Amino acid sequence: MKIWNCLGVLILVSLQLLFSAQATEAGIDENTMKAVYSFSFGKFTHWPELPNQRADKLGFCIFGENPFSRTVVDSYEGRIIKGRKLRIQIFDSGLLADDALPECQILYVSQSEKMRIRQVIDSLSHQPILTVSDIQGFSNQGGMITLVKSDDRITFEINPGALTRAGISISSKILELAKVVHTEPAVDD
């Protein structure tokens, strides 16, 4: 089992190097790179077992406007991650009903939700849902993973406290690749 985790981390690092060096030349856009990272985090995450969760599906939900191309979404739909079939749902209305939450193990929060980010994070803070976004400061506000564009590369920040509060763990190898951040106290306006 450890060999597969190491292999997975090697693949993620290879993707990072590949995309950082060749993305512009190959015409791979920033949002496609962010999609690859977002989908890949599922390989390195462990969720608690819940009675209302389907063991055969891994739900990836996009909350807000879909920043990824339809081609990318379609190419990942149905892929197997940790023995579970990836199911992608898009909640482009910016509404995510409570009964939809059990279907989401990974939630990508789109830039379109930037103005309500604190509300979204607070409503999900104790849910076992891996939250990912490219909104600046997302992890500092309590989100779990923030994708950051740095020059021609995509890097990421991880908030281990947010993961712990939700009962989620992520591979230590991924933590080594990330910039670790902590939640900043909310400032009342």
N, C-alpha and C. Protein backbone atom coordinates (compact mmCIF):
# COMPACT_ATOMS: atom_id res chain seq x y z
N MET A 1 0.82 -1.19 0.00
CA MET A 1 0.00 0.00 0.00
C MET A 1 0.87 1.26 0.00
N LYS A 2 1.97 1.25 0.77
CA LYS A 2 2.84 2.41 0.81
C LYS A 2 3.45 2.70 -0.55
N ILE A 3 3.76 1.66 -1.30
CA ILE A 3 4.35 1.85 -2.62
C ILE A 3 3.38 2.62 -3.52
N TRP A 4 2.06 2.37 -3.38
CA TRP A 4 1.08 3.07 -4.20
C TRP A 4 0.98 4.53 -3.79
N ASN A 5 1.07 4.82 -2.48
CA ASN A 5 1.05 6.21 -2.03
C ASN A 5 2.27 6.94 -2.56
N CYS A 6 3.44 6.32 -2.47
CA CYS A 6 4.67 6.95 -2.97
C CYS A 6 4.58 7.16 -4.48
N LEU A 7 4.04 6.17 -5.17
CA LEU A 7 3.88 6.28 -6.61
C LEU A 7 2.92 7.42 -6.95
N GLY A 8 1.84 7.55 -6.19
CA GLY A 8 0.88 8.63 -6.41
C GLY A 8 1.51 9.99 -6.21
N VAL A 9 2.30 10.14 -5.15
CA VAL A 9 2.98 11.40 -4.89
C VAL A 9 3.96 11.70 -6.01
N LEU A 10 4.67 10.69 -6.46
CA LEU A 10 5.60 10.85 -7.57
C LEU A 10 4.86 11.34 -8.81
N ILE A 11 3.69 10.79 -9.05
CA ILE A 11 2.89 11.20 -10.21
C ILE A 11 2.48 12.66 -10.06
N LEU A 12 2.03 13.06 -8.85
CA LEU A 12 1.63 14.44 -8.63
C LEU A 12 2.81 15.39 -8.81
N VAL A 13 3.97 15.04 -8.27
CA VAL A 13 5.16 15.87 -8.44
C VAL A 13 5.54 15.94 -9.91
N SER A 14 5.47 14.82 -10.59
CA SER A 14 5.78 14.80 -12.02
C SER A 14 4.82 15.69 -12.80
N LEU A 15 3.54 15.64 -12.42
CA LEU A 15 2.57 16.51 -13.07
C LEU A 15 2.91 17.97 -12.83
N GLN A 16 3.31 18.27 -11.59
CA GLN A 16 3.67 19.64 -11.26
C GLN A 16 4.84 20.11 -12.12
N LEU A 17 5.86 19.29 -12.22
CA LEU A 17 7.01 19.64 -13.05
C LEU A 17 6.64 19.71 -14.52
N LEU A 18 5.87 18.74 -14.96
CA LEU A 18 5.45 18.71 -16.36
C LEU A 18 4.67 19.97 -16.71
N PHE A 19 3.67 20.28 -15.88
CA PHE A 19 2.85 21.43 -16.19
C PHE A 19 3.61 22.74 -16.05
N SER A 20 4.47 22.83 -15.06
CA SER A 20 5.18 24.09 -14.88
C SER A 20 6.14 24.35 -16.04
N ALA A 21 6.72 23.33 -16.58
CA ALA A 21 7.70 23.51 -17.66
C ALA A 21 7.06 23.54 -19.04
N GLN A 22 5.99 22.79 -19.21
CA GLN A 22 5.48 22.62 -20.56
C GLN A 22 4.06 23.12 -20.79
N ALA A 23 3.40 23.59 -19.76
CA ALA A 23 1.99 23.97 -19.91
C ALA A 23 1.79 25.04 -20.97
N THR A 24 2.57 26.08 -20.91
CA THR A 24 2.42 27.17 -21.86
C THR A 24 2.74 26.70 -23.27
N GLU A 25 3.84 25.94 -23.41
CA GLU A 25 4.23 25.45 -24.73
C GLU A 25 3.18 24.51 -25.31
N ALA A 26 2.61 23.68 -24.48
CA ALA A 26 1.65 22.69 -24.97
C ALA A 26 0.24 23.25 -25.09
N GLY A 27 0.05 24.49 -24.65
CA GLY A 27 -1.27 25.08 -24.75
C GLY A 27 -2.21 24.63 -23.64
N ILE A 28 -1.68 24.10 -22.55
CA ILE A 28 -2.52 23.69 -21.43
C ILE A 28 -2.77 24.92 -20.58
N ASP A 29 -4.02 25.27 -20.43
CA ASP A 29 -4.31 26.50 -19.70
C ASP A 29 -4.31 26.30 -18.19
N GLU A 30 -4.31 27.41 -17.50
CA GLU A 30 -4.24 27.42 -16.04
C GLU A 30 -5.39 26.65 -15.40
N ASN A 31 -6.60 26.82 -15.92
CA ASN A 31 -7.75 26.13 -15.33
C ASN A 31 -7.68 24.62 -15.52
N THR A 32 -7.11 24.17 -16.63
CA THR A 32 -6.93 22.73 -16.83
C THR A 32 -5.94 22.18 -15.80
N MET A 33 -4.87 22.93 -15.54
CA MET A 33 -3.90 22.50 -14.53
C MET A 33 -4.57 22.44 -13.16
N LYS A 34 -5.39 23.42 -12.85
CA LYS A 34 -6.08 23.44 -11.56
C LYS A 34 -7.06 22.27 -11.45
N ALA A 35 -7.68 21.92 -12.54
CA ALA A 35 -8.60 20.77 -12.53
C ALA A 35 -7.83 19.48 -12.25
N VAL A 36 -6.70 19.30 -12.91
CA VAL A 36 -5.89 18.09 -12.70
C VAL A 36 -5.47 17.98 -11.24
N TYR A 37 -5.01 19.07 -10.67
CA TYR A 37 -4.64 19.06 -9.25
C TYR A 37 -5.85 18.72 -8.39
N SER A 38 -6.96 19.39 -8.62
CA SER A 38 -8.15 19.21 -7.79
C SER A 38 -8.63 17.77 -7.80
N PHE A 39 -8.69 17.17 -8.98
CA PHE A 39 -9.12 15.78 -9.07
C PHE A 39 -8.09 14.86 -8.41
N SER A 40 -6.81 15.18 -8.56
CA SER A 40 -5.75 14.32 -8.03
C SER A 40 -5.70 14.29 -6.51
N PHE A 41 -6.13 15.35 -5.84
CA PHE A 41 -6.09 15.36 -4.37
C PHE A 41 -6.90 14.21 -3.78
N GLY A 42 -7.89 13.74 -4.50
CA GLY A 42 -8.70 12.62 -4.01
C GLY A 42 -7.88 11.35 -3.81
N LYS A 43 -6.80 11.21 -4.55
CA LYS A 43 -5.95 10.02 -4.42
C LYS A 43 -5.17 10.01 -3.12
N PHE A 44 -5.02 11.16 -2.48
CA PHE A 44 -4.17 11.28 -1.31
C PHE A 44 -4.94 11.64 -0.04
N THR A 45 -6.25 11.57 -0.13
CA THR A 45 -7.12 11.99 0.98
C THR A 45 -7.83 10.78 1.56
N HIS A 46 -8.00 10.80 2.88
CA HIS A 46 -8.76 9.76 3.57
C HIS A 46 -9.93 10.42 4.29
N TRP A 47 -11.13 9.94 4.00
CA TRP A 47 -12.34 10.45 4.62
C TRP A 47 -12.84 9.45 5.65
N PRO A 48 -13.53 9.92 6.68
CA PRO A 48 -14.14 8.98 7.62
C PRO A 48 -15.28 8.24 6.92
N GLU A 49 -15.53 7.03 7.35
CA GLU A 49 -16.64 6.28 6.76
C GLU A 49 -17.94 6.77 7.38
N LEU A 50 -18.89 7.10 6.53
CA LEU A 50 -20.18 7.59 7.00
C LEU A 50 -21.27 6.66 6.51
N PRO A 51 -22.32 6.47 7.31
CA PRO A 51 -23.37 5.52 6.94
C PRO A 51 -24.15 5.90 5.69
N ASN A 52 -24.29 7.19 5.39
CA ASN A 52 -25.09 7.61 4.23
C ASN A 52 -24.26 7.83 2.96
N GLN A 53 -23.01 7.41 2.99
CA GLN A 53 -22.14 7.62 1.84
C GLN A 53 -22.03 6.36 0.99
N ARG A 54 -22.04 6.53 -0.30
CA ARG A 54 -21.89 5.39 -1.20
C ARG A 54 -20.43 5.00 -1.28
N ALA A 55 -20.17 3.72 -1.10
CA ALA A 55 -18.79 3.22 -1.10
C ALA A 55 -18.22 3.09 -2.50
N ASP A 56 -19.09 3.12 -3.52
CA ASP A 56 -18.61 2.92 -4.89
C ASP A 56 -18.39 4.23 -5.66
N LYS A 57 -18.79 5.37 -5.08
CA LYS A 57 -18.67 6.65 -5.78
C LYS A 57 -17.85 7.63 -4.95
N LEU A 58 -17.09 8.47 -5.65
CA LEU A 58 -16.38 9.59 -5.03
C LEU A 58 -16.93 10.85 -5.69
N GLY A 59 -17.63 11.64 -4.90
CA GLY A 59 -18.29 12.83 -5.43
C GLY A 59 -17.37 14.03 -5.48
N PHE A 60 -17.22 14.61 -6.65
CA PHE A 60 -16.47 15.85 -6.85
C PHE A 60 -17.50 16.88 -7.27
N CYS A 61 -17.70 17.89 -6.44
CA CYS A 61 -18.70 18.91 -6.73
C CYS A 61 -18.03 20.24 -7.01
N ILE A 62 -18.55 20.93 -7.98
CA ILE A 62 -18.08 22.27 -8.32
C ILE A 62 -19.18 23.22 -7.87
N PHE A 63 -18.82 24.12 -6.98
CA PHE A 63 -19.78 25.06 -6.39
C PHE A 63 -19.57 26.43 -7.02
N GLY A 64 -20.56 26.88 -7.77
CA GLY A 64 -20.46 28.15 -8.50
C GLY A 64 -20.17 27.88 -9.96
N GLU A 65 -19.77 28.92 -10.67
CA GLU A 65 -19.49 28.78 -12.11
C GLU A 65 -18.36 27.78 -12.33
N ASN A 66 -18.54 26.89 -13.28
CA ASN A 66 -17.53 25.88 -13.58
C ASN A 66 -16.34 26.52 -14.30
N PRO A 67 -15.16 26.53 -13.65
CA PRO A 67 -14.00 27.14 -14.29
C PRO A 67 -13.27 26.19 -15.24
N PHE A 68 -13.66 24.92 -15.21
CA PHE A 68 -12.98 23.90 -16.00
C PHE A 68 -13.74 23.67 -17.30
N SER A 69 -13.01 23.31 -18.33
CA SER A 69 -13.68 23.07 -19.61
C SER A 69 -14.53 21.80 -19.53
N ARG A 70 -15.54 21.76 -20.35
CA ARG A 70 -16.42 20.58 -20.40
C ARG A 70 -15.60 19.34 -20.79
N THR A 71 -14.60 19.52 -21.66
CA THR A 71 -13.75 18.41 -22.07
C THR A 71 -13.00 17.82 -20.89
N VAL A 72 -12.46 18.69 -20.02
CA VAL A 72 -11.73 18.21 -18.84
C VAL A 72 -12.67 17.48 -17.89
N VAL A 73 -13.82 18.08 -17.63
CA VAL A 73 -14.80 17.44 -16.74
C VAL A 73 -15.20 16.08 -17.29
N ASP A 74 -15.53 16.03 -18.57
CA ASP A 74 -15.94 14.76 -19.18
C ASP A 74 -14.82 13.71 -19.15
N SER A 75 -13.56 14.16 -19.29
CA SER A 75 -12.45 13.20 -19.30
C SER A 75 -12.21 12.60 -17.92
N TYR A 76 -12.60 13.29 -16.86
CA TYR A 76 -12.41 12.76 -15.51
C TYR A 76 -13.63 12.02 -14.98
N GLU A 77 -14.79 12.33 -15.49
CA GLU A 77 -16.01 11.66 -15.04
C GLU A 77 -15.87 10.15 -15.21
N GLY A 78 -16.13 9.41 -14.13
CA GLY A 78 -16.08 7.95 -14.18
C GLY A 78 -14.72 7.33 -13.91
N ARG A 79 -13.67 8.15 -13.81
CA ARG A 79 -12.35 7.59 -13.48
C ARG A 79 -12.39 6.97 -12.09
N ILE A 80 -11.54 5.99 -11.89
CA ILE A 80 -11.48 5.32 -10.59
C ILE A 80 -10.41 5.97 -9.73
N ILE A 81 -10.83 6.40 -8.54
CA ILE A 81 -9.92 6.98 -7.55
C ILE A 81 -10.13 6.24 -6.25
N LYS A 82 -9.08 5.59 -5.79
CA LYS A 82 -9.14 4.81 -4.55
C LYS A 82 -10.28 3.80 -4.57
N GLY A 83 -10.44 3.16 -5.72
CA GLY A 83 -11.45 2.12 -5.86
C GLY A 83 -12.87 2.63 -6.01
N ARG A 84 -13.03 3.93 -6.18
CA ARG A 84 -14.36 4.51 -6.30
C ARG A 84 -14.47 5.28 -7.62
N LYS A 85 -15.63 5.22 -8.22
CA LYS A 85 -15.87 5.90 -9.49
C LYS A 85 -16.14 7.38 -9.23
N LEU A 86 -15.38 8.25 -9.91
CA LEU A 86 -15.53 9.69 -9.75
C LEU A 86 -16.82 10.15 -10.41
N ARG A 87 -17.62 10.85 -9.63
CA ARG A 87 -18.87 11.43 -10.14
C ARG A 87 -18.79 12.93 -9.94
N ILE A 88 -18.91 13.69 -11.02
CA ILE A 88 -18.77 15.14 -10.98
C ILE A 88 -20.14 15.79 -11.10
N GLN A 89 -20.42 16.70 -10.17
CA GLN A 89 -21.66 17.47 -10.19
C GLN A 89 -21.30 18.95 -10.16
N ILE A 90 -22.06 19.73 -10.90
CA ILE A 90 -21.82 21.17 -10.95
C ILE A 90 -23.05 21.89 -10.39
N PHE A 91 -22.82 22.69 -9.36
CA PHE A 91 -23.87 23.50 -8.75
C PHE A 91 -23.61 24.95 -9.13
N ASP A 92 -23.88 25.26 -10.42
CA ASP A 92 -23.53 26.57 -10.94
C ASP A 92 -24.46 27.68 -10.49
N SER A 93 -25.56 27.33 -9.84
CA SER A 93 -26.46 28.35 -9.32
C SER A 93 -25.92 28.99 -8.06
N GLY A 94 -24.86 28.39 -7.50
CA GLY A 94 -24.33 28.91 -6.24
C GLY A 94 -25.14 28.43 -5.05
N LEU A 95 -26.01 27.45 -5.28
CA LEU A 95 -26.81 26.87 -4.20
C LEU A 95 -26.44 25.40 -4.06
N LEU A 96 -26.18 25.00 -2.85
CA LEU A 96 -25.83 23.61 -2.57
C LEU A 96 -26.72 23.17 -1.40
N ALA A 97 -27.73 22.38 -1.72
CA ALA A 97 -28.68 21.94 -0.70
C ALA A 97 -28.02 20.96 0.27
N ASP A 98 -28.48 20.97 1.51
CA ASP A 98 -27.93 20.08 2.53
C ASP A 98 -28.01 18.61 2.11
N ASP A 99 -29.07 18.24 1.38
CA ASP A 99 -29.19 16.84 0.97
C ASP A 99 -28.21 16.47 -0.15
N ALA A 100 -27.56 17.47 -0.76
CA ALA A 100 -26.55 17.19 -1.78
C ALA A 100 -25.18 16.96 -1.15
N LEU A 101 -24.97 17.43 0.08
CA LEU A 101 -23.66 17.34 0.72
C LEU A 101 -23.13 15.91 0.83
N PRO A 102 -23.94 14.92 1.17
CA PRO A 102 -23.39 13.56 1.24
C PRO A 102 -22.84 13.05 -0.10
N GLU A 103 -23.22 13.70 -1.18
CA GLU A 103 -22.73 13.31 -2.51
C GLU A 103 -21.37 13.92 -2.83
N CYS A 104 -20.90 14.85 -1.98
CA CYS A 104 -19.67 15.59 -2.25
C CYS A 104 -18.58 15.20 -1.25
N GLN A 105 -17.54 14.56 -1.73
CA GLN A 105 -16.37 14.32 -0.89
C GLN A 105 -15.31 15.39 -1.14
N ILE A 106 -15.31 15.94 -2.35
CA ILE A 106 -14.44 17.05 -2.71
C ILE A 106 -15.33 18.15 -3.24
N LEU A 107 -15.12 19.38 -2.73
CA LEU A 107 -15.91 20.51 -3.19
C LEU A 107 -14.96 21.59 -3.69
N TYR A 108 -15.02 21.87 -4.98
CA TYR A 108 -14.24 22.96 -5.56
C TYR A 108 -15.10 24.22 -5.50
N VAL A 109 -14.62 25.24 -4.79
CA VAL A 109 -15.35 26.49 -4.65
C VAL A 109 -14.82 27.46 -5.69
N SER A 110 -15.68 27.83 -6.61
CA SER A 110 -15.32 28.66 -7.75
C SER A 110 -15.12 30.13 -7.35
N GLN A 111 -14.39 30.85 -8.19
CA GLN A 111 -14.18 32.29 -8.01
C GLN A 111 -15.51 33.05 -7.92
N SER A 112 -16.56 32.53 -8.56
CA SER A 112 -17.84 33.22 -8.54
C SER A 112 -18.42 33.31 -7.12
N GLU A 113 -17.90 32.52 -6.21
CA GLU A 113 -18.39 32.52 -4.82
C GLU A 113 -17.49 33.33 -3.88
N LYS A 114 -16.61 34.10 -4.44
CA LYS A 114 -15.61 34.85 -3.67
C LYS A 114 -16.24 35.76 -2.61
N MET A 115 -17.33 36.39 -2.92
CA MET A 115 -17.95 37.33 -1.98
C MET A 115 -18.64 36.61 -0.81
N ARG A 116 -18.94 35.33 -0.96
CA ARG A 116 -19.61 34.59 0.12
C ARG A 116 -18.71 33.51 0.72
N ILE A 117 -17.42 33.63 0.51
CA ILE A 117 -16.51 32.56 0.87
C ILE A 117 -16.58 32.21 2.36
N ARG A 118 -16.65 33.21 3.21
CA ARG A 118 -16.69 32.95 4.65
C ARG A 118 -17.95 32.16 5.01
N GLN A 119 -19.07 32.52 4.44
CA GLN A 119 -20.33 31.82 4.69
C GLN A 119 -20.24 30.36 4.23
N VAL A 120 -19.68 30.14 3.06
CA VAL A 120 -19.54 28.78 2.52
C VAL A 120 -18.64 27.94 3.42
N ILE A 121 -17.49 28.49 3.78
CA ILE A 121 -16.55 27.75 4.62
C ILE A 121 -17.15 27.44 5.99
N ASP A 122 -17.81 28.44 6.59
CA ASP A 122 -18.41 28.22 7.91
C ASP A 122 -19.48 27.13 7.86
N SER A 123 -20.26 27.08 6.79
CA SER A 123 -21.32 26.07 6.69
C SER A 123 -20.77 24.67 6.48
N LEU A 124 -19.53 24.57 5.99
CA LEU A 124 -18.94 23.26 5.71
C LEU A 124 -17.83 22.87 6.69
N SER A 125 -17.53 23.72 7.66
CA SER A 125 -16.32 23.55 8.47
C SER A 125 -16.21 22.21 9.20
N HIS A 126 -17.30 21.60 9.56
CA HIS A 126 -17.22 20.31 10.27
C HIS A 126 -17.74 19.15 9.42
N GLN A 127 -17.94 19.41 8.15
CA GLN A 127 -18.36 18.36 7.22
C GLN A 127 -17.12 17.66 6.68
N PRO A 128 -17.15 16.34 6.50
CA PRO A 128 -15.99 15.64 5.93
C PRO A 128 -15.91 15.81 4.42
N ILE A 129 -15.76 17.07 4.01
CA ILE A 129 -15.69 17.42 2.59
C ILE A 129 -14.39 18.17 2.37
N LEU A 130 -13.55 17.67 1.47
CA LEU A 130 -12.29 18.33 1.13
C LEU A 130 -12.62 19.56 0.30
N THR A 131 -12.33 20.75 0.83
CA THR A 131 -12.62 21.99 0.11
C THR A 131 -11.37 22.49 -0.59
N VAL A 132 -11.54 22.81 -1.87
CA VAL A 132 -10.44 23.26 -2.72
C VAL A 132 -10.91 24.51 -3.46
N SER A 133 -10.02 25.48 -3.64
CA SER A 133 -10.36 26.67 -4.40
C SER A 133 -9.10 27.36 -4.88
N ASP A 134 -9.30 28.28 -5.81
CA ASP A 134 -8.18 29.14 -6.22
C ASP A 134 -8.43 30.58 -5.77
N ILE A 135 -9.40 30.77 -4.87
CA ILE A 135 -9.67 32.09 -4.32
C ILE A 135 -8.53 32.46 -3.38
N GLN A 136 -7.93 33.62 -3.61
CA GLN A 136 -6.80 34.06 -2.80
C GLN A 136 -7.21 34.09 -1.32
N GLY A 137 -6.37 33.49 -0.46
CA GLY A 137 -6.63 33.47 0.97
C GLY A 137 -7.64 32.44 1.42
N PHE A 138 -8.07 31.56 0.54
CA PHE A 138 -9.09 30.56 0.85
C PHE A 138 -8.71 29.73 2.07
N SER A 139 -7.49 29.22 2.11
CA SER A 139 -7.07 28.38 3.23
C SER A 139 -6.91 29.19 4.50
N ASN A 140 -6.47 30.43 4.40
CA ASN A 140 -6.36 31.29 5.59
C ASN A 140 -7.73 31.58 6.20
N GLN A 141 -8.79 31.49 5.39
CA GLN A 141 -10.14 31.74 5.88
C GLN A 141 -10.81 30.47 6.37
N GLY A 142 -10.11 29.33 6.31
CA GLY A 142 -10.69 28.08 6.81
C GLY A 142 -10.91 27.03 5.74
N GLY A 143 -10.64 27.35 4.48
CA GLY A 143 -10.69 26.33 3.43
C GLY A 143 -9.52 25.39 3.59
N MET A 144 -9.54 24.26 2.92
CA MET A 144 -8.50 23.24 3.13
C MET A 144 -7.33 23.37 2.16
N ILE A 145 -7.61 23.53 0.87
CA ILE A 145 -6.53 23.62 -0.11
C ILE A 145 -6.78 24.81 -1.03
N THR A 146 -5.75 25.63 -1.18
CA THR A 146 -5.82 26.76 -2.11
C THR A 146 -4.81 26.52 -3.22
N LEU A 147 -5.27 26.58 -4.44
CA LEU A 147 -4.39 26.49 -5.61
C LEU A 147 -3.91 27.89 -5.94
N VAL A 148 -2.60 28.03 -6.07
CA VAL A 148 -1.99 29.34 -6.26
C VAL A 148 -1.14 29.33 -7.53
N LYS A 149 -1.38 30.33 -8.38
CA LYS A 149 -0.53 30.46 -9.57
C LYS A 149 0.71 31.25 -9.18
N SER A 150 1.87 30.66 -9.45
CA SER A 150 3.14 31.30 -9.14
C SER A 150 4.00 31.19 -10.39
N ASP A 151 4.22 32.32 -11.05
CA ASP A 151 4.88 32.35 -12.35
C ASP A 151 4.07 31.47 -13.30
N ASP A 152 4.70 30.45 -13.88
CA ASP A 152 3.98 29.56 -14.79
C ASP A 152 3.61 28.24 -14.14
N ARG A 153 3.61 28.21 -12.80
CA ARG A 153 3.32 26.97 -12.09
C ARG A 153 2.09 27.13 -11.21
N ILE A 154 1.53 26.00 -10.86
CA ILE A 154 0.46 25.97 -9.87
C ILE A 154 1.06 25.32 -8.63
N THR A 155 0.98 26.01 -7.52
CA THR A 155 1.40 25.47 -6.24
C THR A 155 0.15 25.40 -5.37
N PHE A 156 0.30 24.90 -4.16
CA PHE A 156 -0.89 24.86 -3.31
C PHE A 156 -0.55 25.06 -1.85
N GLU A 157 -1.54 25.60 -1.15
CA GLU A 157 -1.47 25.81 0.28
C GLU A 157 -2.46 24.85 0.93
N ILE A 158 -2.10 24.35 2.10
CA ILE A 158 -2.99 23.45 2.83
C ILE A 158 -3.13 23.96 4.26
N ASN A 159 -4.37 23.90 4.75
CA ASN A 159 -4.68 24.28 6.12
C ASN A 159 -4.97 22.99 6.91
N PRO A 160 -3.96 22.44 7.62
CA PRO A 160 -4.15 21.18 8.34
C PRO A 160 -5.22 21.26 9.43
N GLY A 161 -5.39 22.42 10.04
CA GLY A 161 -6.42 22.58 11.07
C GLY A 161 -7.81 22.38 10.50
N ALA A 162 -8.04 22.91 9.29
CA ALA A 162 -9.34 22.74 8.64
C ALA A 162 -9.58 21.27 8.30
N LEU A 163 -8.55 20.58 7.87
CA LEU A 163 -8.68 19.14 7.59
C LEU A 163 -9.05 18.38 8.86
N THR A 164 -8.35 18.68 9.95
CA THR A 164 -8.58 17.99 11.22
C THR A 164 -10.01 18.23 11.72
N ARG A 165 -10.47 19.48 11.66
CA ARG A 165 -11.83 19.80 12.12
C ARG A 165 -12.88 19.00 11.36
N ALA A 166 -12.60 18.70 10.10
CA ALA A 166 -13.55 17.96 9.27
C ALA A 166 -13.36 16.45 9.36
N GLY A 167 -12.34 16.00 10.09
CA GLY A 167 -12.11 14.56 10.22
C GLY A 167 -11.46 13.95 9.00
N ILE A 168 -10.79 14.77 8.21
CA ILE A 168 -10.15 14.33 6.97
C ILE A 168 -8.64 14.31 7.19
N SER A 169 -7.97 13.34 6.58
CA SER A 169 -6.51 13.36 6.61
C SER A 169 -6.00 13.30 5.17
N ILE A 170 -4.80 13.85 4.99
CA ILE A 170 -4.19 13.88 3.67
C ILE A 170 -2.77 13.37 3.81
N SER A 171 -2.26 12.75 2.79
CA SER A 171 -0.92 12.17 2.81
C SER A 171 0.12 13.18 3.27
N SER A 172 1.00 12.74 4.14
CA SER A 172 2.09 13.61 4.61
C SER A 172 2.98 14.03 3.45
N LYS A 173 3.07 13.21 2.43
CA LYS A 173 3.87 13.57 1.26
C LYS A 173 3.29 14.78 0.54
N ILE A 174 1.96 14.89 0.52
CA ILE A 174 1.33 16.06 -0.09
C ILE A 174 1.58 17.29 0.79
N LEU A 175 1.51 17.10 2.11
CA LEU A 175 1.79 18.21 3.02
C LEU A 175 3.20 18.75 2.82
N GLU A 176 4.14 17.86 2.53
CA GLU A 176 5.52 18.28 2.30
C GLU A 176 5.65 19.16 1.05
N LEU A 177 4.77 18.95 0.08
CA LEU A 177 4.81 19.72 -1.16
C LEU A 177 4.10 21.07 -1.05
N ALA A 178 3.29 21.21 0.00
CA ALA A 178 2.44 22.39 0.14
C ALA A 178 3.05 23.43 1.05
N LYS A 179 2.56 24.63 0.91
CA LYS A 179 2.81 25.66 1.91
C LYS A 179 1.71 25.48 2.95
N VAL A 180 2.10 25.29 4.21
CA VAL A 180 1.13 25.09 5.28
C VAL A 180 0.69 26.45 5.81
N VAL A 181 -0.63 26.65 5.87
CA VAL A 181 -1.19 27.89 6.40
C VAL A 181 -2.19 27.55 7.49
N HIS A 182 -2.55 28.56 8.26
CA HIS A 182 -3.51 28.37 9.35
C HIS A 182 -4.64 29.38 9.21
N THR A 183 -5.77 29.02 9.77
CA THR A 183 -6.94 29.89 9.69
C THR A 183 -6.70 31.17 10.48
N GLU A 184 -7.00 32.27 9.84
CA GLU A 184 -6.92 33.56 10.51
C GLU A 184 -8.26 33.83 11.19
N PRO A 185 -8.25 34.44 12.35
CA PRO A 185 -9.52 34.76 13.03
C PRO A 185 -10.38 35.66 12.14
N ALA A 186 -11.69 35.44 12.21
CA ALA A 186 -12.62 36.26 11.43
C ALA A 186 -12.61 37.68 11.97
N VAL A 187 -12.68 38.63 11.08
CA VAL A 187 -12.73 40.03 11.46
C VAL A 187 -14.13 40.53 11.16
N ASP A 188 -14.83 41.00 12.20
CA ASP A 188 -16.18 41.52 11.99
C ASP A 188 -16.12 42.92 11.41
N ASP A 189 -16.95 43.14 10.40
CA ASP A 189 -16.97 44.48 9.76
C ASP A 189 -17.83 45.43 10.54
